[in-house]
């Protein structure tokens, strides 16, 4: 389940999850994309339709806002997931208010455009580095930042509001199955996440919000090994 800015079609999702795909060799992987869906409900309905033929007892890996979509699917099919792994996954209510306020200092103009009805898209690489890499160039090579910018599309404003604005954001029901939440210590969006109300094992690790897709596969390998070992313990 992909997060924001990289979920419209399989090409985007495949890039964001390229390390997951290469690591989980031999698994029957289904990539979820939302096409032209514009709201969180649309995301959930689209994902549910794509998974209609999948039997109960599946495993899910969710990135960032993808956790909200997966929760919505699980609410409709409580037995679908045996275990769910979150990588930088949002909590049930979406983005914390303090995170939203802090983001105004970084991406004020893009967020202002959202309030006026425009889709959310970052304007500069500096904004990308501030949000995804906690203000540092962790990957050193600027080519990674160019790749990241190229793998991002505008996120529908309605979905953004439902994830971030308190009067409009949609609370999701808790996952009805065990959850492993990988929380990077320098993650702008979820560094303090607690996942209240869920049967969750929180694993705090080094990294930031780009942990799922670093240029160097070795940075995410320990996380994927931990997730696979946990899945295999079922």
C-alpha atoms as a PDB file:
ATOM      1  CA  UNK A   1       0.000   0.000   0.000  1.00  0.00           C
ATOM      2  CA  UNK A   2       1.802   3.157  -1.192  1.00  0.00           C
ATOM      3  CA  UNK A   3       1.841   6.556   0.460  1.00  0.00           C
ATOM      4  CA  UNK A   4       1.069   9.965  -0.937  1.00  0.00           C
ATOM      5  CA  UNK A   5       2.743  11.344  -4.072  1.00  0.00           C
ATOM      6  CA  UNK A   6       3.507   7.903  -5.492  1.00  0.00           C
ATOM      7  CA  UNK A   7       0.263   5.967  -5.780  1.00  0.00           C
ATOM      8  CA  UNK A   8      -1.482   6.811  -9.054  1.00  0.00           C
ATOM      9  CA  UNK A   9      -0.214   3.922 -11.160  1.00  0.00           C
ATOM     10  CA  UNK A  10       1.921   0.810 -10.910  1.00  0.00           C
ATOM     11  CA  UNK A  11       4.970   2.564 -12.359  1.00  0.00           C
ATOM     12  CA  UNK A  12       5.114   4.924  -9.370  1.00  0.00           C
ATOM     13  CA  UNK A  13       4.351   2.212  -6.821  1.00  0.00           C
ATOM     14  CA  UNK A  14       6.949  -0.125  -8.299  1.00  0.00           C
ATOM     15  CA  UNK A  15       9.640   2.550  -7.882  1.00  0.00           C
ATOM     16  CA  UNK A  16       8.766   3.316  -4.250  1.00  0.00           C
ATOM     17  CA  UNK A  17       8.599  -0.392  -3.365  1.00  0.00           C
ATOM     18  CA  UNK A  18      11.457  -1.547  -5.593  1.00  0.00           C
ATOM     19  CA  UNK A  19      13.554  -2.763  -2.655  1.00  0.00           C
ATOM     20  CA  UNK A  20      10.587  -4.560  -1.087  1.00  0.00           C
ATOM     21  CA  UNK A  21       9.844  -6.280  -4.408  1.00  0.00           C
ATOM     22  CA  UNK A  22      13.447  -7.389  -4.934  1.00  0.00           C
ATOM     23  CA  UNK A  23      13.753  -8.667  -1.358  1.00  0.00           C
ATOM     24  CA  UNK A  24      10.485 -10.631  -1.159  1.00  0.00           C
ATOM     25  CA  UNK A  25      11.478 -12.922  -4.030  1.00  0.00           C
ATOM     26  CA  UNK A  26       9.026 -15.733  -4.589  1.00  0.00           C
ATOM     27  CA  UNK A  27       6.131 -13.984  -2.849  1.00  0.00           C
ATOM     28  CA  UNK A  28       2.933 -13.233  -4.736  1.00  0.00           C
ATOM     29  CA  UNK A  29       3.118  -9.441  -4.544  1.00  0.00           C
ATOM     30  CA  UNK A  30       0.152  -7.250  -5.420  1.00  0.00           C
ATOM     31  CA  UNK A  31       0.946  -3.574  -5.963  1.00  0.00           C
ATOM     32  CA  UNK A  32      -1.891  -1.255  -4.997  1.00  0.00           C
ATOM     33  CA  UNK A  33      -2.418   1.901  -7.052  1.00  0.00           C
ATOM     34  CA  UNK A  34      -5.362   4.297  -7.041  1.00  0.00           C
ATOM     35  CA  UNK A  35      -5.492   5.719 -10.551  1.00  0.00           C
ATOM     36  CA  UNK A  36      -7.612   8.871 -10.669  1.00  0.00           C
ATOM     37  CA  UNK A  37      -9.144   8.336  -7.215  1.00  0.00           C
ATOM     38  CA  UNK A  38      -9.481  11.655  -5.393  1.00  0.00           C
ATOM     39  CA  UNK A  39     -10.515  10.885  -1.803  1.00  0.00           C
ATOM     40  CA  UNK A  40      -9.437   8.510   0.926  1.00  0.00           C
ATOM     41  CA  UNK A  41     -12.705   6.615   0.493  1.00  0.00           C
ATOM     42  CA  UNK A  42     -11.911   6.269  -3.213  1.00  0.00           C
ATOM     43  CA  UNK A  43      -8.477   4.903  -2.317  1.00  0.00           C
ATOM     44  CA  UNK A  44     -10.034   2.324  -0.007  1.00  0.00           C
ATOM     45  CA  UNK A  45     -12.695   1.274  -2.518  1.00  0.00           C
ATOM     46  CA  UNK A  46     -10.110   0.977  -5.308  1.00  0.00           C
ATOM     47  CA  UNK A  47      -7.752  -1.081  -3.147  1.00  0.00           C
ATOM     48  CA  UNK A  48     -10.561  -3.350  -1.973  1.00  0.00           C
ATOM     49  CA  UNK A  49     -11.563  -4.032  -5.580  1.00  0.00           C
ATOM     50  CA  UNK A  50      -7.978  -4.914  -6.529  1.00  0.00           C
ATOM     51  CA  UNK A  51      -7.803  -7.363  -3.612  1.00  0.00           C
ATOM     52  CA  UNK A  52     -11.192  -8.965  -4.148  1.00  0.00           C
ATOM     53  CA  UNK A  53      -9.701 -12.233  -5.386  1.00  0.00           C
ATOM     54  CA  UNK A  54      -7.097 -12.465  -2.630  1.00  0.00           C
ATOM     55  CA  UNK A  55      -7.962 -15.079   0.029  1.00  0.00           C
ATOM     56  CA  UNK A  56      -7.992 -14.266   3.734  1.00  0.00           C
ATOM     57  CA  UNK A  57      -4.741 -14.582   5.640  1.00  0.00           C
ATOM     58  CA  UNK A  58      -2.614 -12.323   3.438  1.00  0.00           C
ATOM     59  CA  UNK A  59       0.212 -10.058   4.598  1.00  0.00           C
ATOM     60  CA  UNK A  60       0.451  -6.332   3.943  1.00  0.00           C
ATOM     61  CA  UNK A  61       3.294  -3.835   3.817  1.00  0.00           C
ATOM     62  CA  UNK A  62       2.144  -0.234   4.034  1.00  0.00           C
ATOM     63  CA  UNK A  63       4.139   2.924   3.566  1.00  0.00           C
ATOM     64  CA  UNK A  64       3.170   6.271   5.109  1.00  0.00           C
ATOM     65  CA  UNK A  65      -0.435   7.184   4.204  1.00  0.00           C
ATOM     66  CA  UNK A  66      -0.890   3.712   2.726  1.00  0.00           C
ATOM     67  CA  UNK A  67      -1.594   2.547   6.280  1.00  0.00           C
ATOM     68  CA  UNK A  68      -4.862   4.493   6.215  1.00  0.00           C
ATOM     69  CA  UNK A  69      -6.001   2.797   3.029  1.00  0.00           C
ATOM     70  CA  UNK A  70      -5.086  -0.614   4.408  1.00  0.00           C
ATOM     71  CA  UNK A  71      -7.049   0.077   7.607  1.00  0.00           C
ATOM     72  CA  UNK A  72     -10.068   0.980   5.514  1.00  0.00           C
ATOM     73  CA  UNK A  73      -9.769  -2.263   3.555  1.00  0.00           C
ATOM     74  CA  UNK A  74      -9.338  -4.264   6.766  1.00  0.00           C
ATOM     75  CA  UNK A  75     -12.505  -2.705   8.186  1.00  0.00           C
ATOM     76  CA  UNK A  76     -14.422  -4.146   5.245  1.00  0.00           C
ATOM     77  CA  UNK A  77     -12.578  -7.476   5.271  1.00  0.00           C
ATOM     78  CA  UNK A  78     -11.473  -8.126   8.869  1.00  0.00           C
ATOM     79  CA  UNK A  79      -9.887 -11.503   8.051  1.00  0.00           C
ATOM     80  CA  UNK A  80      -7.981 -10.406   4.953  1.00  0.00           C
ATOM     81  CA  UNK A  81      -4.705  -9.595   6.705  1.00  0.00           C
ATOM     82  CA  UNK A  82      -2.893 -12.026   8.985  1.00  0.00           C
ATOM     83  CA  UNK A  83      -0.195  -9.473   9.789  1.00  0.00           C
ATOM     84  CA  UNK A  84       0.496  -5.909   8.659  1.00  0.00           C
ATOM     85  CA  UNK A  85       3.879  -4.182   8.560  1.00  0.00           C
ATOM     86  CA  UNK A  86       3.997  -0.395   8.516  1.00  0.00           C
ATOM     87  CA  UNK A  87       7.058   1.486   7.301  1.00  0.00           C
ATOM     88  CA  UNK A  88       6.708   5.128   8.381  1.00  0.00           C
ATOM     89  CA  UNK A  89       2.989   4.401   8.601  1.00  0.00           C
ATOM     90  CA  UNK A  90       0.560   7.088   9.721  1.00  0.00           C
ATOM     91  CA  UNK A  91      -1.567   6.583  12.813  1.00  0.00           C
ATOM     92  CA  UNK A  92      -5.324   6.015  12.686  1.00  0.00           C
ATOM     93  CA  UNK A  93      -6.143   9.732  12.604  1.00  0.00           C
ATOM     94  CA  UNK A  94      -3.603  10.606   9.921  1.00  0.00           C
ATOM     95  CA  UNK A  95      -1.035  13.370  10.375  1.00  0.00           C
ATOM     96  CA  UNK A  96      -0.501  14.845  13.832  1.00  0.00           C
ATOM     97  CA  UNK A  97      -1.412  18.497  14.336  1.00  0.00           C
ATOM     98  CA  UNK A  98       2.114  19.435  15.417  1.00  0.00           C
ATOM     99  CA  UNK A  99       3.492  17.865  12.255  1.00  0.00           C
ATOM    100  CA  UNK A 100       1.006  19.836  10.159  1.00  0.00           C
ATOM    101  CA  UNK A 101       1.973  23.091  11.876  1.00  0.00           C
ATOM    102  CA  UNK A 102       5.664  22.371  11.432  1.00  0.00           C
ATOM    103  CA  UNK A 103       5.128  21.562   7.770  1.00  0.00           C
ATOM    104  CA  UNK A 104       3.621  25.019   7.268  1.00  0.00           C
ATOM    105  CA  UNK A 105       7.086  26.423   7.930  1.00  0.00           C
ATOM    106  CA  UNK A 106       8.535  24.237   5.190  1.00  0.00           C
ATOM    107  CA  UNK A 107       5.861  23.998   2.504  1.00  0.00           C
ATOM    108  CA  UNK A 108       3.565  26.939   3.207  1.00  0.00           C
ATOM    109  CA  UNK A 109       2.813  27.769  -0.427  1.00  0.00           C
ATOM    110  CA  UNK A 110       1.991  24.171  -1.469  1.00  0.00           C
ATOM    111  CA  UNK A 111      -0.293  23.761   1.556  1.00  0.00           C
ATOM    112  CA  UNK A 112      -1.908  27.135   0.945  1.00  0.00           C
ATOM    113  CA  UNK A 113      -2.736  25.983  -2.576  1.00  0.00           C
ATOM    114  CA  UNK A 114      -4.392  22.885  -1.101  1.00  0.00           C
ATOM    115  CA  UNK A 115      -6.687  25.094   0.986  1.00  0.00           C
ATOM    116  CA  UNK A 116      -7.662  26.847  -2.253  1.00  0.00           C
ATOM    117  CA  UNK A 117      -8.575  23.540  -3.865  1.00  0.00           C
ATOM    118  CA  UNK A 118      -5.348  22.636  -5.676  1.00  0.00           C
ATOM    119  CA  UNK A 119      -3.592  19.298  -5.446  1.00  0.00           C
ATOM    120  CA  UNK A 120      -0.481  19.083  -3.276  1.00  0.00           C
ATOM    121  CA  UNK A 121       2.909  19.103  -4.975  1.00  0.00           C
ATOM    122  CA  UNK A 122       6.263  20.236  -3.649  1.00  0.00           C
ATOM    123  CA  UNK A 123       7.947  23.146  -5.399  1.00  0.00           C
ATOM    124  CA  UNK A 124      11.653  22.654  -4.720  1.00  0.00           C
ATOM    125  CA  UNK A 125      14.201  19.922  -3.927  1.00  0.00           C
ATOM    126  CA  UNK A 126      14.857  21.707  -0.618  1.00  0.00           C
ATOM    127  CA  UNK A 127      11.262  21.076   0.443  1.00  0.00           C
ATOM    128  CA  UNK A 128      11.677  17.437  -0.535  1.00  0.00           C
ATOM    129  CA  UNK A 129      14.852  17.081   1.530  1.00  0.00           C
ATOM    130  CA  UNK A 130      13.224  18.780   4.532  1.00  0.00           C
ATOM    131  CA  UNK A 131      10.200  16.481   4.541  1.00  0.00           C
ATOM    132  CA  UNK A 132      11.558  13.175   3.273  1.00  0.00           C
ATOM    133  CA  UNK A 133      15.122  13.329   4.602  1.00  0.00           C
ATOM    134  CA  UNK A 134      14.655  15.499   7.677  1.00  0.00           C
ATOM    135  CA  UNK A 135      16.587  18.395   6.231  1.00  0.00           C
ATOM    136  CA  UNK A 136      19.715  16.434   5.382  1.00  0.00           C
ATOM    137  CA  UNK A 137      21.134  14.949   2.218  1.00  0.00           C
ATOM    138  CA  UNK A 138      21.459  11.469   3.670  1.00  0.00           C
ATOM    139  CA  UNK A 139      22.078   9.848   0.341  1.00  0.00           C
ATOM    140  CA  UNK A 140      24.816  12.259  -0.638  1.00  0.00           C
ATOM    141  CA  UNK A 141      24.255  11.807  -4.361  1.00  0.00           C
ATOM    142  CA  UNK A 142      21.856  14.429  -5.704  1.00  0.00           C
ATOM    143  CA  UNK A 143      20.770  11.930  -8.364  1.00  0.00           C
ATOM    144  CA  UNK A 144      18.666  10.168  -5.725  1.00  0.00           C
ATOM    145  CA  UNK A 145      16.808  13.397  -4.990  1.00  0.00           C
ATOM    146  CA  UNK A 146      16.163  13.821  -8.699  1.00  0.00           C
ATOM    147  CA  UNK A 147      14.841  10.267  -8.867  1.00  0.00           C
ATOM    148  CA  UNK A 148      12.621  10.930  -5.876  1.00  0.00           C
ATOM    149  CA  UNK A 149      11.200  14.121  -7.379  1.00  0.00           C
ATOM    150  CA  UNK A 150      10.569  12.232 -10.616  1.00  0.00           C
ATOM    151  CA  UNK A 151       8.639   9.533  -8.786  1.00  0.00           C
ATOM    152  CA  UNK A 152       6.236  12.016  -7.176  1.00  0.00           C
ATOM    153  CA  UNK A 153       2.949  13.248  -8.584  1.00  0.00           C
ATOM    154  CA  UNK A 154       0.501  15.798  -7.228  1.00  0.00           C
ATOM    155  CA  UNK A 155      -1.620  14.347  -4.427  1.00  0.00           C
ATOM    156  CA  UNK A 156      -5.378  15.078  -4.705  1.00  0.00           C
ATOM    157  CA  UNK A 157      -6.298  17.923  -2.363  1.00  0.00           C
ATOM    158  CA  UNK A 158      -9.349  16.120  -0.945  1.00  0.00           C
ATOM    159  CA  UNK A 159      -7.232  13.182   0.136  1.00  0.00           C
ATOM    160  CA  UNK A 160      -4.642  15.519   1.670  1.00  0.00           C
ATOM    161  CA  UNK A 161      -7.305  17.320   3.688  1.00  0.00           C
ATOM    162  CA  UNK A 162      -8.714  14.008   4.925  1.00  0.00           C
ATOM    163  CA  UNK A 163      -5.255  12.984   6.103  1.00  0.00           C
ATOM    164  CA  UNK A 164      -4.184  16.268   7.690  1.00  0.00           C
ATOM    165  CA  UNK A 165      -6.865  18.840   8.485  1.00  0.00           C
ATOM    166  CA  UNK A 166      -8.504  18.161  11.893  1.00  0.00           C
ATOM    167  CA  UNK A 167     -12.057  19.174  10.882  1.00  0.00           C
ATOM    168  CA  UNK A 168     -11.939  16.967   7.785  1.00  0.00           C
ATOM    169  CA  UNK A 169      -9.557  14.110   8.513  1.00  0.00           C
ATOM    170  CA  UNK A 170     -11.016  10.632   8.676  1.00  0.00           C
ATOM    171  CA  UNK A 171     -10.251   8.340  11.589  1.00  0.00           C
ATOM    172  CA  UNK A 172      -9.839   4.717  10.568  1.00  0.00           C
ATOM    173  CA  UNK A 173     -10.695   1.662  12.612  1.00  0.00           C
ATOM    174  CA  UNK A 174      -7.717  -0.163  14.149  1.00  0.00           C
ATOM    175  CA  UNK A 175      -6.208  -3.115  12.340  1.00  0.00           C
ATOM    176  CA  UNK A 176      -7.887  -6.310  13.591  1.00  0.00           C
ATOM    177  CA  UNK A 177      -4.576  -8.196  13.362  1.00  0.00           C
ATOM    178  CA  UNK A 178      -1.026  -7.870  14.751  1.00  0.00           C
ATOM    179  CA  UNK A 179       0.963  -4.897  13.444  1.00  0.00           C
ATOM    180  CA  UNK A 180       4.682  -4.215  13.253  1.00  0.00           C
ATOM    181  CA  UNK A 181       5.388  -0.491  12.927  1.00  0.00           C
ATOM    182  CA  UNK A 182       8.840   0.501  11.697  1.00  0.00           C
ATOM    183  CA  UNK A 183       9.413   4.052  12.958  1.00  0.00           C
ATOM    184  CA  UNK A 184      12.585   5.802  11.711  1.00  0.00           C
ATOM    185  CA  UNK A 185      14.014   8.028  14.435  1.00  0.00           C
ATOM    186  CA  UNK A 186      14.395  11.035  12.115  1.00  0.00           C
ATOM    187  CA  UNK A 187      11.078  10.616  10.332  1.00  0.00           C
ATOM    188  CA  UNK A 188       9.403  14.031   9.981  1.00  0.00           C
ATOM    189  CA  UNK A 189       5.910  12.542   9.864  1.00  0.00           C
ATOM    190  CA  UNK A 190       5.872   9.710  12.418  1.00  0.00           C
ATOM    191  CA  UNK A 191       8.892   9.946  14.730  1.00  0.00           C
ATOM    192  CA  UNK A 192       6.606  10.124  17.799  1.00  0.00           C
ATOM    193  CA  UNK A 193       3.918   7.720  16.587  1.00  0.00           C
ATOM    194  CA  UNK A 194       2.291   5.500  19.243  1.00  0.00           C
ATOM    195  CA  UNK A 195      -0.455   3.685  17.248  1.00  0.00           C
ATOM    196  CA  UNK A 196      -2.885   3.805  20.163  1.00  0.00           C
ATOM    197  CA  UNK A 197      -5.620   1.194  20.111  1.00  0.00           C
ATOM    198  CA  UNK A 198      -3.793  -1.299  17.911  1.00  0.00           C
ATOM    199  CA  UNK A 199      -2.025  -4.579  18.647  1.00  0.00           C
ATOM    200  CA  UNK A 200       1.311  -3.124  17.622  1.00  0.00           C
ATOM    201  CA  UNK A 201       4.984  -3.893  18.011  1.00  0.00           C
ATOM    202  CA  UNK A 202       6.874  -0.628  17.481  1.00  0.00           C
ATOM    203  CA  UNK A 203      10.401  -0.930  16.124  1.00  0.00           C
ATOM    204  CA  UNK A 204      12.380   2.288  16.228  1.00  0.00           C
ATOM    205  CA  UNK A 205      15.287   2.393  13.843  1.00  0.00           C
ATOM    206  CA  UNK A 206      17.731   4.773  12.185  1.00  0.00           C
ATOM    207  CA  UNK A 207      16.553   6.621   9.103  1.00  0.00           C
ATOM    208  CA  UNK A 208      13.927   9.053   7.891  1.00  0.00           C
ATOM    209  CA  UNK A 209      10.783   9.085   5.752  1.00  0.00           C
ATOM    210  CA  UNK A 210      12.727   7.893   2.722  1.00  0.00           C
ATOM    211  CA  UNK A 211      13.696   4.642   4.471  1.00  0.00           C
ATOM    212  CA  UNK A 212      11.584   2.510   2.134  1.00  0.00           C
ATOM    213  CA  UNK A 213      13.307   3.723  -1.029  1.00  0.00           C
ATOM    214  CA  UNK A 214      16.929   4.755  -0.374  1.00  0.00           C
ATOM    215  CA  UNK A 215      19.427   4.750  -3.189  1.00  0.00           C
ATOM    216  CA  UNK A 216      21.472   2.240  -1.190  1.00  0.00           C
ATOM    217  CA  UNK A 217      19.537  -0.997  -0.661  1.00  0.00           C
ATOM    218  CA  UNK A 218      21.654  -1.919   2.379  1.00  0.00           C
ATOM    219  CA  UNK A 219      19.983   0.882   4.363  1.00  0.00           C
ATOM    220  CA  UNK A 220      16.592  -0.763   4.189  1.00  0.00           C
ATOM    221  CA  UNK A 221      17.733  -4.408   4.143  1.00  0.00           C
ATOM    222  CA  UNK A 222      17.706  -4.877   7.980  1.00  0.00           C
ATOM    223  CA  UNK A 223      14.133  -3.548   8.082  1.00  0.00           C
ATOM    224  CA  UNK A 224      12.968  -5.926   5.353  1.00  0.00           C
ATOM    225  CA  UNK A 225      14.740  -8.849   7.016  1.00  0.00           C
ATOM    226  CA  UNK A 226      12.959  -8.040  10.275  1.00  0.00           C
ATOM    227  CA  UNK A 227       9.579  -7.877   8.531  1.00  0.00           C
ATOM    228  CA  UNK A 228      10.107 -11.148   6.633  1.00  0.00           C
ATOM    229  CA  UNK A 229      11.212 -12.961   9.793  1.00  0.00           C
ATOM    230  CA  UNK A 230       8.108 -11.677  11.592  1.00  0.00           C
ATOM    231  CA  UNK A 231       5.848 -12.771   8.723  1.00  0.00           C
ATOM    232  CA  UNK A 232       7.463 -16.224   8.717  1.00  0.00           C
ATOM    233  CA  UNK A 233       6.708 -16.646  12.411  1.00  0.00           C
ATOM    234  CA  UNK A 234       2.999 -16.884  11.638  1.00  0.00           C
END
